[in-house]
Amino acid sequence: MSLGGGEVKRETAWLMGGAAILTTAAAGASIWNNYGALLRWTEPVLPLTEKQLAPRNLLYKTVNQQDLTLDIYYPPGEGPFPVAIYAHGGAFVRGNRDDVFSFAPIIDRFLELGIAVCSIDYRLFEDGSYFPDNLEDVRDALCFLNQQADELRIARGRMLLWGDSAGGALMLTTALAPTEFIGEQAESHLPLISGVIALYPPTNFLLFKFIQTWIAHIKFYGGGREEWRQLMTRVSPATHLSSDSPPIMLLHGKKDPIVPFAQALHFVEKGADVGADVRLFSFPNGTHSLASFAQTENPLKIERLLERIEAFSCQVLILPKRETLH
């Protein structure tokens, strides 16, 4: 029995419609699987030392009935100390200031150098909170530290910013756009930032697959696509690079499955174009963690990594060489 022309068209339409639904479902699953990998990522926790377990905890801001706090860890002495201020990763949706413990070797090195370490909380993506709320929080934390510097035994004008992944991106954008993202502190200028150390940060959010990222963020962002593109451009670190930018040290693994190494290369190229001081240290087998940089097959072991961080920190914070500290 043969089908009529109308029946053939209807059957073909059903088949095409079914195929489209299956394709959309598969694409959606791929998007959420990829984004889920980012959300599920946990930085391996490295061993702690006793001196890291007694921070000074301070409230720096209350916004929408949410308290935002920071912890300060001090080296021996009276100060005032230069300070290395940390912002945690977590895809902007999770994490807290305690994530700094995942970087115990770096904390130890800072404290040995006589640098205080500060770790801050900021608002995460949720109902009513999105970009640039987190950037306003980071800026407010830095202004708070500067305002309270005397009481907190912090040396004004000697702030080093550092962070991993999302936190690294926040620190970069904050340092590179000192007159933007003004929050409750309402200061027109940031305190002087001596330098930034960013571990595997996204540097241009539009380099991620646009549709995947857009769909993943729909639950947090209520605007349209074009407005979202403009916002992503505004909050991306690469947008704000200039010859006046503070020195920047990037640490990025070439096998990073979450923030592609191409993000680091893009940032370095943009820095070269505008005359910014951007230094990239790559790790051939590094993935999306500090621990991966110290793998036995990696030629750049953890001690050499710490030496690089130490050299950069001493240079930008104007500290004496290590051998003169004892």
C-alpha atoms as a PDB file:
ATOM      1  CA  MET A   1       0.000   0.000   0.000  1.00  0.00           C
ATOM      2  CA  SER A   2       1.467   3.341  -1.020  1.00  0.00           C
ATOM      3  CA  LEU A   3       1.281   6.540   0.967  1.00  0.00           C
ATOM      4  CA  GLY A   4      -0.203   9.724  -0.434  1.00  0.00           C
ATOM      5  CA  GLY A   5       1.860  12.860  -0.861  1.00  0.00           C
ATOM      6  CA  GLY A   6       0.335  14.498   2.219  1.00  0.00           C
ATOM      7  CA  GLU A   7       0.977  11.433   4.342  1.00  0.00           C
ATOM      8  CA  VAL A   8       4.592  11.274   3.193  1.00  0.00           C
ATOM      9  CA  LYS A   9       5.094  14.909   4.113  1.00  0.00           C
ATOM     10  CA  ARG A  10       3.528  14.390   7.520  1.00  0.00           C
ATOM     11  CA  GLU A  11       5.670  11.319   8.199  1.00  0.00           C
ATOM     12  CA  THR A  12       8.797  13.137   7.054  1.00  0.00           C
ATOM     13  CA  ALA A  13       7.942  16.086   9.296  1.00  0.00           C
ATOM     14  CA  TRP A  14       7.508  13.770  12.277  1.00  0.00           C
ATOM     15  CA  LEU A  15      10.841  12.111  11.577  1.00  0.00           C
ATOM     16  CA  MET A  16      12.615  15.437  11.183  1.00  0.00           C
ATOM     17  CA  GLY A  17      10.962  16.796  14.307  1.00  0.00           C
ATOM     18  CA  GLY A  18      11.961  13.724  16.285  1.00  0.00           C
ATOM     19  CA  ALA A  19      15.541  13.983  15.040  1.00  0.00           C
ATOM     20  CA  ALA A  20      15.649  17.658  16.015  1.00  0.00           C
ATOM     21  CA  ILE A  21      14.396  16.860  19.522  1.00  0.00           C
ATOM     22  CA  LEU A  22      17.000  14.126  19.946  1.00  0.00           C
ATOM     23  CA  THR A  23      19.762  16.418  18.663  1.00  0.00           C
ATOM     24  CA  THR A  24      18.694  19.199  21.040  1.00  0.00           C
ATOM     25  CA  ALA A  25      18.538  16.792  23.960  1.00  0.00           C
ATOM     26  CA  ALA A  26      22.012  15.466  23.151  1.00  0.00           C
ATOM     27  CA  ALA A  27      23.380  19.017  22.875  1.00  0.00           C
ATOM     28  CA  GLY A  28      21.797  19.947  26.170  1.00  0.00           C
ATOM     29  CA  ALA A  29      23.288  16.905  27.856  1.00  0.00           C
ATOM     30  CA  SER A  30      26.700  17.801  26.444  1.00  0.00           C
ATOM     31  CA  ILE A  31      26.404  21.368  27.717  1.00  0.00           C
ATOM     32  CA  TRP A  32      25.467  20.346  31.220  1.00  0.00           C
ATOM     33  CA  ASN A  33      28.065  17.585  31.278  1.00  0.00           C
ATOM     34  CA  ASN A  34      30.790  20.066  30.335  1.00  0.00           C
ATOM     35  CA  TYR A  35      29.560  22.718  32.749  1.00  0.00           C
ATOM     36  CA  GLY A  36      29.019  20.059  35.398  1.00  0.00           C
ATOM     37  CA  ALA A  37      32.669  19.043  35.144  1.00  0.00           C
ATOM     38  CA  LEU A  38      33.586  22.615  35.985  1.00  0.00           C
ATOM     39  CA  LEU A  39      31.150  22.756  38.885  1.00  0.00           C
ATOM     40  CA  ARG A  40      32.330  19.430  40.288  1.00  0.00           C
ATOM     41  CA  TRP A  41      36.015  20.274  40.099  1.00  0.00           C
ATOM     42  CA  THR A  42      37.775  20.286  43.456  1.00  0.00           C
ATOM     43  CA  GLU A  43      41.338  21.514  43.959  1.00  0.00           C
ATOM     44  CA  PRO A  44      43.364  18.762  45.691  1.00  0.00           C
ATOM     45  CA  VAL A  45      44.085  19.766  49.278  1.00  0.00           C
ATOM     46  CA  LEU A  46      47.787  19.835  50.110  1.00  0.00           C
ATOM     47  CA  PRO A  47      49.242  19.392  53.639  1.00  0.00           C
ATOM     48  CA  LEU A  48      48.686  22.209  56.134  1.00  0.00           C
ATOM     49  CA  THR A  49      50.980  23.618  58.791  1.00  0.00           C
ATOM     50  CA  GLU A  50      49.987  24.758  62.273  1.00  0.00           C
ATOM     51  CA  LYS A  51      50.770  28.400  61.585  1.00  0.00           C
ATOM     52  CA  GLN A  52      47.986  28.475  58.991  1.00  0.00           C
ATOM     53  CA  LEU A  53      45.272  27.398  61.423  1.00  0.00           C
ATOM     54  CA  ALA A  54      44.809  30.587  63.487  1.00  0.00           C
ATOM     55  CA  PRO A  55      43.689  33.412  61.199  1.00  0.00           C
ATOM     56  CA  ARG A  56      42.295  36.757  62.194  1.00  0.00           C
ATOM     57  CA  ASN A  57      38.710  36.791  60.907  1.00  0.00           C
ATOM     58  CA  LEU A  58      37.008  40.077  59.962  1.00  0.00           C
ATOM     59  CA  LEU A  59      33.673  41.152  58.496  1.00  0.00           C
ATOM     60  CA  TYR A  60      34.367  43.495  55.600  1.00  0.00           C
ATOM     61  CA  LYS A  61      30.876  43.910  54.168  1.00  0.00           C
ATOM     62  CA  THR A  62      27.207  43.029  54.622  1.00  0.00           C
ATOM     63  CA  VAL A  63      25.092  43.077  51.478  1.00  0.00           C
ATOM     64  CA  ASN A  64      21.515  41.853  51.099  1.00  0.00           C
ATOM     65  CA  GLN A  65      21.736  40.435  54.629  1.00  0.00           C
ATOM     66  CA  GLN A  66      24.771  38.352  53.625  1.00  0.00           C
ATOM     67  CA  ASP A  67      27.950  38.768  55.661  1.00  0.00           C
ATOM     68  CA  LEU A  68      31.192  38.666  53.687  1.00  0.00           C
ATOM     69  CA  THR A  69      34.337  38.005  55.651  1.00  0.00           C
ATOM     70  CA  LEU A  70      38.065  37.656  55.199  1.00  0.00           C
ATOM     71  CA  ASP A  71      40.867  35.872  57.047  1.00  0.00           C
ATOM     72  CA  ILE A  72      44.383  37.216  57.611  1.00  0.00           C
ATOM     73  CA  TYR A  73      47.403  35.032  58.402  1.00  0.00           C
ATOM     74  CA  TYR A  74      50.437  36.854  59.790  1.00  0.00           C
ATOM     75  CA  PRO A  75      54.146  36.056  59.622  1.00  0.00           C
ATOM     76  CA  PRO A  76      56.260  36.531  62.766  1.00  0.00           C
ATOM     77  CA  GLY A  77      56.939  40.132  63.728  1.00  0.00           C
ATOM     78  CA  GLU A  78      55.078  43.352  64.369  1.00  0.00           C
ATOM     79  CA  GLY A  79      54.599  44.578  60.817  1.00  0.00           C
ATOM     80  CA  PRO A  80      53.361  46.435  58.947  1.00  0.00           C
ATOM     81  CA  PHE A  81      53.519  43.597  56.425  1.00  0.00           C
ATOM     82  CA  PRO A  82      53.028  43.504  52.685  1.00  0.00           C
ATOM     83  CA  VAL A  83      49.993  41.325  51.995  1.00  0.00           C
ATOM     84  CA  ALA A  84      49.082  38.670  49.407  1.00  0.00           C
ATOM     85  CA  ILE A  85      45.277  38.620  48.994  1.00  0.00           C
ATOM     86  CA  TYR A  86      43.638  35.440  47.693  1.00  0.00           C
ATOM     87  CA  ALA A  87      40.299  34.882  45.913  1.00  0.00           C
ATOM     88  CA  HIS A  88      39.110  31.282  45.548  1.00  0.00           C
ATOM     89  CA  GLY A  89      38.011  29.458  42.426  1.00  0.00           C
ATOM     90  CA  GLY A  90      34.847  27.429  41.891  1.00  0.00           C
ATOM     91  CA  ALA A  91      33.306  28.599  38.583  1.00  0.00           C
ATOM     92  CA  PHE A  92      31.780  31.595  40.425  1.00  0.00           C
ATOM     93  CA  VAL A  93      29.130  29.297  41.899  1.00  0.00           C
ATOM     94  CA  ARG A  94      30.882  27.595  44.815  1.00  0.00           C
ATOM     95  CA  GLY A  95      33.901  27.731  47.118  1.00  0.00           C
ATOM     96  CA  ASN A  96      34.892  29.915  50.057  1.00  0.00           C
ATOM     97  CA  ARG A  97      37.899  31.563  51.662  1.00  0.00           C
ATOM     98  CA  ASP A  98      39.027  28.260  53.263  1.00  0.00           C
ATOM     99  CA  ASP A  99      39.996  27.049  49.780  1.00  0.00           C
ATOM    100  CA  VAL A 100      43.266  28.897  50.332  1.00  0.00           C
ATOM    101  CA  PHE A 101      44.377  25.772  52.250  1.00  0.00           C
ATOM    102  CA  SER A 102      44.671  23.986  48.899  1.00  0.00           C
ATOM    103  CA  PHE A 103      47.737  26.151  48.296  1.00  0.00           C
ATOM    104  CA  ALA A 104      49.626  25.458  51.518  1.00  0.00           C
ATOM    105  CA  PRO A 105      53.100  25.537  49.882  1.00  0.00           C
ATOM    106  CA  ILE A 106      52.430  29.017  48.494  1.00  0.00           C
ATOM    107  CA  ILE A 107      51.080  30.252  51.832  1.00  0.00           C
ATOM    108  CA  ASP A 108      54.154  28.896  53.622  1.00  0.00           C
ATOM    109  CA  ARG A 109      56.456  30.644  51.171  1.00  0.00           C
ATOM    110  CA  PHE A 110      54.671  33.978  51.555  1.00  0.00           C
ATOM    111  CA  LEU A 111      54.834  33.774  55.352  1.00  0.00           C
ATOM    112  CA  GLU A 112      58.524  32.829  55.233  1.00  0.00           C
ATOM    113  CA  LEU A 113      59.134  35.936  53.143  1.00  0.00           C
ATOM    114  CA  GLY A 114      57.403  38.124  55.733  1.00  0.00           C
ATOM    115  CA  ILE A 115      54.244  38.555  53.644  1.00  0.00           C
ATOM    116  CA  ALA A 116      50.851  38.366  55.355  1.00  0.00           C
ATOM    117  CA  VAL A 117      48.225  36.259  53.576  1.00  0.00           C
ATOM    118  CA  CYS A 118      44.586  37.263  53.300  1.00  0.00           C
ATOM    119  CA  SER A 119      41.736  35.118  51.914  1.00  0.00           C
ATOM    120  CA  ILE A 120      38.377  36.674  51.049  1.00  0.00           C
ATOM    121  CA  ASP A 121      34.816  35.542  50.439  1.00  0.00           C
ATOM    122  CA  TYR A 122      32.653  37.079  47.712  1.00  0.00           C
ATOM    123  CA  ARG A 123      29.104  36.593  46.480  1.00  0.00           C
ATOM    124  CA  LEU A 124      28.503  33.509  44.350  1.00  0.00           C
ATOM    125  CA  PHE A 125      26.076  33.191  41.456  1.00  0.00           C
ATOM    126  CA  GLU A 126      22.591  32.580  42.792  1.00  0.00           C
ATOM    127  CA  ASP A 127      19.169  34.193  42.659  1.00  0.00           C
ATOM    128  CA  GLY A 128      19.737  37.913  42.478  1.00  0.00           C
ATOM    129  CA  SER A 129      23.542  37.752  42.315  1.00  0.00           C
ATOM    130  CA  TYR A 130      25.637  37.705  39.148  1.00  0.00           C
ATOM    131  CA  PHE A 131      28.405  39.732  37.506  1.00  0.00           C
ATOM    132  CA  PRO A 132      29.560  42.310  38.514  1.00  0.00           C
ATOM    133  CA  ASP A 133      28.469  41.685  42.140  1.00  0.00           C
ATOM    134  CA  ASN A 134      31.503  39.470  42.770  1.00  0.00           C
ATOM    135  CA  LEU A 135      33.858  42.084  41.345  1.00  0.00           C
ATOM    136  CA  GLU A 136      32.318  44.767  43.554  1.00  0.00           C
ATOM    137  CA  ASP A 137      32.906  42.503  46.561  1.00  0.00           C
ATOM    138  CA  VAL A 138      36.566  41.934  45.703  1.00  0.00           C
ATOM    139  CA  ARG A 139      37.078  45.667  45.236  1.00  0.00           C
ATOM    140  CA  ASP A 140      35.353  46.418  48.548  1.00  0.00           C
ATOM    141  CA  ALA A 141      37.551  43.884  50.346  1.00  0.00           C
ATOM    142  CA  LEU A 142      40.684  45.564  49.005  1.00  0.00           C
ATOM    143  CA  CYS A 143      39.419  49.022  49.974  1.00  0.00           C
ATOM    144  CA  PHE A 144      38.526  47.734  53.447  1.00  0.00           C
ATOM    145  CA  LEU A 145      42.035  46.351  53.921  1.00  0.00           C
ATOM    146  CA  ASN A 146      43.535  49.634  52.791  1.00  0.00           C
ATOM    147  CA  GLN A 147      41.290  51.701  55.077  1.00  0.00           C
ATOM    148  CA  GLN A 148      42.052  49.490  58.086  1.00  0.00           C
ATOM    149  CA  ALA A 149      45.718  48.980  57.192  1.00  0.00           C
ATOM    150  CA  ASP A 150      47.160  50.551  60.338  1.00  0.00           C
ATOM    151  CA  GLU A 151      45.004  48.549  62.704  1.00  0.00           C
ATOM    152  CA  LEU A 152      45.557  45.367  60.649  1.00  0.00           C
ATOM    153  CA  ARG A 153      49.346  45.857  60.458  1.00  0.00           C
ATOM    154  CA  ILE A 154      49.279  45.940  56.659  1.00  0.00           C
ATOM    155  CA  ALA A 155      51.636  48.075  54.574  1.00  0.00           C
ATOM    156  CA  ARG A 156      49.690  50.394  52.286  1.00  0.00           C
ATOM    157  CA  GLY A 157      50.781  50.303  48.664  1.00  0.00           C
ATOM    158  CA  ARG A 158      52.200  46.771  48.959  1.00  0.00           C
ATOM    159  CA  MET A 159      49.305  44.536  47.950  1.00  0.00           C
ATOM    160  CA  LEU A 160      49.800  41.436  45.821  1.00  0.00           C
ATOM    161  CA  LEU A 161      46.633  39.805  44.452  1.00  0.00           C
ATOM    162  CA  TRP A 162      46.410  36.087  43.692  1.00  0.00           C
ATOM    163  CA  GLY A 163      43.772  33.498  42.947  1.00  0.00           C
ATOM    164  CA  ASP A 164      42.996  30.318  41.089  1.00  0.00           C
ATOM    165  CA  SER A 165      40.588  29.796  38.196  1.00  0.00           C
ATOM    166  CA  ALA A 166      37.515  32.020  38.727  1.00  0.00           C
ATOM    167  CA  GLY A 167      39.240  33.782  41.630  1.00  0.00           C
ATOM    168  CA  GLY A 168      42.261  34.502  39.451  1.00  0.00           C
ATOM    169  CA  ALA A 169      39.973  36.081  36.852  1.00  0.00           C
ATOM    170  CA  LEU A 170      38.309  38.261  39.490  1.00  0.00           C
ATOM    171  CA  MET A 171      41.657  39.437  40.807  1.00  0.00           C
ATOM    172  CA  LEU A 172      42.920  40.217  37.310  1.00  0.00           C
ATOM    173  CA  THR A 173      39.850  42.208  36.285  1.00  0.00           C
ATOM    174  CA  THR A 174      39.816  44.113  39.587  1.00  0.00           C
ATOM    175  CA  ALA A 175      43.486  45.070  39.281  1.00  0.00           C
ATOM    176  CA  LEU A 176      43.241  45.952  35.590  1.00  0.00           C
ATOM    177  CA  ALA A 177      40.068  48.052  35.906  1.00  0.00           C
ATOM    178  CA  PRO A 178      40.799  50.129  39.045  1.00  0.00           C
ATOM    179  CA  THR A 179      38.050  52.704  38.492  1.00  0.00           C
ATOM    180  CA  GLU A 180      35.234  50.260  37.646  1.00  0.00           C
ATOM    181  CA  PHE A 181      32.989  47.892  39.615  1.00  0.00           C
ATOM    182  CA  ILE A 182      32.622  50.272  42.541  1.00  0.00           C
ATOM    183  CA  GLY A 183      30.675  48.732  45.404  1.00  0.00           C
ATOM    184  CA  GLU A 184      29.651  49.936  48.841  1.00  0.00           C
ATOM    185  CA  GLN A 185      33.053  51.398  49.665  1.00  0.00           C
ATOM    186  CA  ALA A 186      32.433  53.901  46.842  1.00  0.00           C
ATOM    187  CA  GLU A 187      36.092  54.822  46.467  1.00  0.00           C
ATOM    188  CA  SER A 188      36.937  56.135  43.026  1.00  0.00           C
ATOM    189  CA  HIS A 189      40.338  54.454  42.959  1.00  0.00           C
ATOM    190  CA  LEU A 190      41.628  51.133  44.188  1.00  0.00           C
ATOM    191  CA  PRO A 191      44.559  50.943  46.582  1.00  0.00           C
ATOM    192  CA  LEU A 192      47.845  50.544  44.732  1.00  0.00           C
ATOM    193  CA  ILE A 193      48.181  46.971  43.453  1.00  0.00           C
ATOM    194  CA  SER A 194      51.792  45.807  43.208  1.00  0.00           C
ATOM    195  CA  GLY A 195      51.151  42.723  41.077  1.00  0.00           C
ATOM    196  CA  VAL A 196      48.873  39.765  40.334  1.00  0.00           C
ATOM    197  CA  ILE A 197      49.548  36.010  40.358  1.00  0.00           C
ATOM    198  CA  ALA A 198      46.790  34.080  38.572  1.00  0.00           C
ATOM    199  CA  LEU A 199      46.645  30.288  38.419  1.00  0.00           C
ATOM    200  CA  TYR A 200      44.835  28.929  35.325  1.00  0.00           C
ATOM    201  CA  PRO A 201      42.304  31.788  35.079  1.00  0.00           C
ATOM    202  CA  PRO A 202      39.809  32.417  32.287  1.00  0.00           C
ATOM    203  CA  THR A 203      40.973  35.654  30.703  1.00  0.00           C
ATOM    204  CA  ASN A 204      38.291  36.182  28.038  1.00  0.00           C
ATOM    205  CA  PHE A 205      34.896  34.672  28.794  1.00  0.00           C
ATOM    206  CA  LEU A 206      33.827  34.867  25.157  1.00  0.00           C
ATOM    207  CA  LEU A 207      36.562  32.394  24.204  1.00  0.00           C
ATOM    208  CA  PHE A 208      34.443  29.664  25.758  1.00  0.00           C
ATOM    209  CA  LYS A 209      31.801  28.174  23.467  1.00  0.00           C
ATOM    210  CA  PHE A 210      29.241  30.944  23.448  1.00  0.00           C
ATOM    211  CA  ILE A 211      26.026  28.912  23.247  1.00  0.00           C
ATOM    212  CA  GLN A 212      27.150  26.445  25.900  1.00  0.00           C
ATOM    213  CA  THR A 213      28.185  29.171  28.320  1.00  0.00           C
ATOM    214  CA  TRP A 214      25.094  31.236  27.602  1.00  0.00           C
ATOM    215  CA  ILE A 215      22.726  28.339  28.261  1.00  0.00           C
ATOM    216  CA  ALA A 216      24.625  27.384  31.426  1.00  0.00           C
ATOM    217  CA  HIS A 217      24.243  30.940  32.732  1.00  0.00           C
ATOM    218  CA  ILE A 218      20.576  31.493  31.855  1.00  0.00           C
ATOM    219  CA  LYS A 219      19.576  30.433  35.361  1.00  0.00           C
ATOM    220  CA  PHE A 220      21.720  33.242  36.812  1.00  0.00           C
ATOM    221  CA  TYR A 221      21.316  35.994  34.222  1.00  0.00           C
ATOM    222  CA  GLY A 222      18.014  37.495  33.117  1.00  0.00           C
ATOM    223  CA  GLY A 223      19.052  39.644  30.162  1.00  0.00           C
ATOM    224  CA  GLY A 224      19.318  38.969  26.445  1.00  0.00           C
ATOM    225  CA  ARG A 225      22.159  37.399  24.488  1.00  0.00           C
ATOM    226  CA  GLU A 226      23.682  40.594  23.143  1.00  0.00           C
ATOM    227  CA  GLU A 227      23.582  42.287  26.532  1.00  0.00           C
ATOM    228  CA  TRP A 228      25.189  39.184  28.013  1.00  0.00           C
ATOM    229  CA  ARG A 229      27.981  39.330  25.422  1.00  0.00           C
ATOM    230  CA  GLN A 230      28.638  42.953  26.330  1.00  0.00           C
ATOM    231  CA  LEU A 231      28.721  42.097  30.028  1.00  0.00           C
ATOM    232  CA  MET A 232      31.133  39.206  29.431  1.00  0.00           C
ATOM    233  CA  THR A 233      33.418  41.539  27.505  1.00  0.00           C
ATOM    234  CA  ARG A 234      33.305  44.101  30.308  1.00  0.00           C
ATOM    235  CA  VAL A 235      34.171  41.635  33.078  1.00  0.00           C
ATOM    236  CA  SER A 236      36.878  39.743  31.150  1.00  0.00           C
ATOM    237  CA  PRO A 237      40.452  40.502  32.283  1.00  0.00           C
ATOM    238  CA  ALA A 238      41.798  40.795  28.737  1.00  0.00           C
ATOM    239  CA  THR A 239      39.475  43.737  28.013  1.00  0.00           C
ATOM    240  CA  HIS A 240      41.281  45.946  30.511  1.00  0.00           C
ATOM    241  CA  LEU A 241      44.948  45.212  29.780  1.00  0.00           C
ATOM    242  CA  SER A 242      47.050  48.314  29.163  1.00  0.00           C
ATOM    243  CA  SER A 243      50.590  49.588  29.482  1.00  0.00           C
ATOM    244  CA  ASP A 244      49.641  50.870  32.952  1.00  0.00           C
ATOM    245  CA  SER A 245      48.618  47.420  34.214  1.00  0.00           C
ATOM    246  CA  PRO A 246      50.532  46.065  37.216  1.00  0.00           C
ATOM    247  CA  PRO A 247      52.935  43.148  36.564  1.00  0.00           C
ATOM    248  CA  ILE A 248      51.112  39.850  36.052  1.00  0.00           C
ATOM    249  CA  MET A 249      52.305  36.272  36.496  1.00  0.00           C
ATOM    250  CA  LEU A 250      50.201  33.540  34.852  1.00  0.00           C
ATOM    251  CA  LEU A 251      50.573  29.864  35.779  1.00  0.00           C
ATOM    252  CA  HIS A 252      48.740  27.540  33.407  1.00  0.00           C
ATOM    253  CA  GLY A 253      48.879  23.855  32.469  1.00  0.00           C
ATOM    254  CA  LYS A 254      48.956  22.931  28.794  1.00  0.00           C
ATOM    255  CA  LYS A 255      46.572  20.022  29.433  1.00  0.00           C
ATOM    256  CA  ASP A 256      43.982  21.998  31.371  1.00  0.00           C
ATOM    257  CA  PRO A 257      40.597  20.415  30.493  1.00  0.00           C
ATOM    258  CA  ILE A 258      38.517  23.151  32.128  1.00  0.00           C
ATOM    259  CA  VAL A 259      40.147  26.483  31.221  1.00  0.00           C
ATOM    260  CA  PRO A 260      42.024  25.830  27.956  1.00  0.00           C
ATOM    261  CA  PHE A 261      45.668  26.873  27.727  1.00  0.00           C
ATOM    262  CA  ALA A 262      44.627  29.041  24.775  1.00  0.00           C
ATOM    263  CA  GLN A 263      43.150  31.481  27.308  1.00  0.00           C
ATOM    264  CA  ALA A 264      46.636  32.128  28.686  1.00  0.00           C
ATOM    265  CA  LEU A 265      48.135  32.528  25.206  1.00  0.00           C
ATOM    266  CA  HIS A 266      45.391  34.968  24.236  1.00  0.00           C
ATOM    267  CA  PHE A 267      46.121  37.049  27.339  1.00  0.00           C
ATOM    268  CA  VAL A 268      49.865  37.098  26.717  1.00  0.00           C
ATOM    269  CA  GLU A 269      49.350  38.178  23.106  1.00  0.00           C
ATOM    270  CA  LYS A 270      46.971  40.944  24.164  1.00  0.00           C
ATOM    271  CA  GLY A 271      49.505  42.050  26.791  1.00  0.00           C
ATOM    272  CA  ALA A 272      52.253  42.234  24.205  1.00  0.00           C
ATOM    273  CA  ASP A 273      50.023  44.301  21.917  1.00  0.00           C
ATOM    274  CA  VAL A 274      49.379  46.957  24.571  1.00  0.00           C
ATOM    275  CA  GLY A 275      52.752  46.884  26.330  1.00  0.00           C
ATOM    276  CA  ALA A 276      51.635  45.196  29.569  1.00  0.00           C
ATOM    277  CA  ASP A 277      54.026  43.185  31.756  1.00  0.00           C
ATOM    278  CA  VAL A 278      52.577  39.649  31.498  1.00  0.00           C
ATOM    279  CA  ARG A 279      54.742  36.641  32.346  1.00  0.00           C
ATOM    280  CA  LEU A 280      53.484  33.156  31.524  1.00  0.00           C
ATOM    281  CA  PHE A 281      54.852  29.981  33.099  1.00  0.00           C
ATOM    282  CA  SER A 282      53.425  26.921  31.411  1.00  0.00           C
ATOM    283  CA  PHE A 283      53.395  23.313  32.616  1.00  0.00           C
ATOM    284  CA  PRO A 284      53.537  20.646  29.884  1.00  0.00           C
ATOM    285  CA  ASN A 285      51.505  18.063  31.822  1.00  0.00           C
ATOM    286  CA  GLY A 286      49.655  20.468  34.086  1.00  0.00           C
ATOM    287  CA  THR A 287      45.883  20.288  34.321  1.00  0.00           C
ATOM    288  CA  HIS A 288      43.578  22.487  36.423  1.00  0.00           C
ATOM    289  CA  SER A 289      45.359  22.270  39.782  1.00  0.00           C
ATOM    290  CA  LEU A 290      48.525  23.307  41.553  1.00  0.00           C
ATOM    291  CA  ALA A 291      49.184  19.660  42.414  1.00  0.00           C
ATOM    292  CA  SER A 292      49.368  18.744  38.726  1.00  0.00           C
ATOM    293  CA  PHE A 293      52.212  21.233  38.233  1.00  0.00           C
ATOM    294  CA  ALA A 294      54.393  19.164  40.580  1.00  0.00           C
ATOM    295  CA  GLN A 295      53.917  15.786  38.875  1.00  0.00           C
ATOM    296  CA  THR A 296      57.100  13.738  38.648  1.00  0.00           C
ATOM    297  CA  GLU A 297      57.071  13.770  34.861  1.00  0.00           C
ATOM    298  CA  ASN A 298      56.823  17.563  34.867  1.00  0.00           C
ATOM    299  CA  PRO A 299      60.224  19.279  34.470  1.00  0.00           C
ATOM    300  CA  LEU A 300      59.079  22.198  36.636  1.00  0.00           C
ATOM    301  CA  LYS A 301      58.792  20.779  40.157  1.00  0.00           C
ATOM    302  CA  ILE A 302      57.057  22.435  43.083  1.00  0.00           C
ATOM    303  CA  GLU A 303      60.244  23.977  44.511  1.00  0.00           C
ATOM    304  CA  ARG A 304      61.102  25.644  41.237  1.00  0.00           C
ATOM    305  CA  LEU A 305      57.521  26.847  41.020  1.00  0.00           C
ATOM    306  CA  LEU A 306      57.800  28.372  44.490  1.00  0.00           C
ATOM    307  CA  GLU A 307      61.086  30.002  43.528  1.00  0.00           C
ATOM    308  CA  ARG A 308      59.354  31.650  40.568  1.00  0.00           C
ATOM    309  CA  ILE A 309      56.537  32.887  42.781  1.00  0.00           C
ATOM    310  CA  GLU A 310      59.064  34.121  45.337  1.00  0.00           C
ATOM    311  CA  ALA A 311      61.126  35.999  42.753  1.00  0.00           C
ATOM    312  CA  PHE A 312      58.046  37.681  41.297  1.00  0.00           C
ATOM    313  CA  SER A 313      56.631  38.570  44.722  1.00  0.00           C
ATOM    314  CA  CYS A 314      59.921  40.008  45.995  1.00  0.00           C
ATOM    315  CA  GLN A 315      60.305  42.089  42.858  1.00  0.00           C
ATOM    316  CA  VAL A 316      56.822  43.637  42.826  1.00  0.00           C
ATOM    317  CA  LEU A 317      56.581  44.078  46.614  1.00  0.00           C
ATOM    318  CA  ILE A 318      60.164  45.406  46.789  1.00  0.00           C
ATOM    319  CA  LEU A 319      61.381  42.805  49.266  1.00  0.00           C
ATOM    320  CA  PRO A 320      65.009  41.850  49.912  1.00  0.00           C
ATOM    321  CA  LYS A 321      66.331  38.633  48.436  1.00  0.00           C
ATOM    322  CA  ARG A 322      65.683  35.529  50.482  1.00  0.00           C
ATOM    323  CA  GLU A 323      69.183  35.126  51.859  1.00  0.00           C
ATOM    324  CA  THR A 324      69.022  38.576  53.482  1.00  0.00           C
ATOM    325  CA  LEU A 325      65.838  37.757  55.393  1.00  0.00           C
ATOM    326  CA  HIS A 326      67.537  35.564  58.019  1.00  0.00           C
END
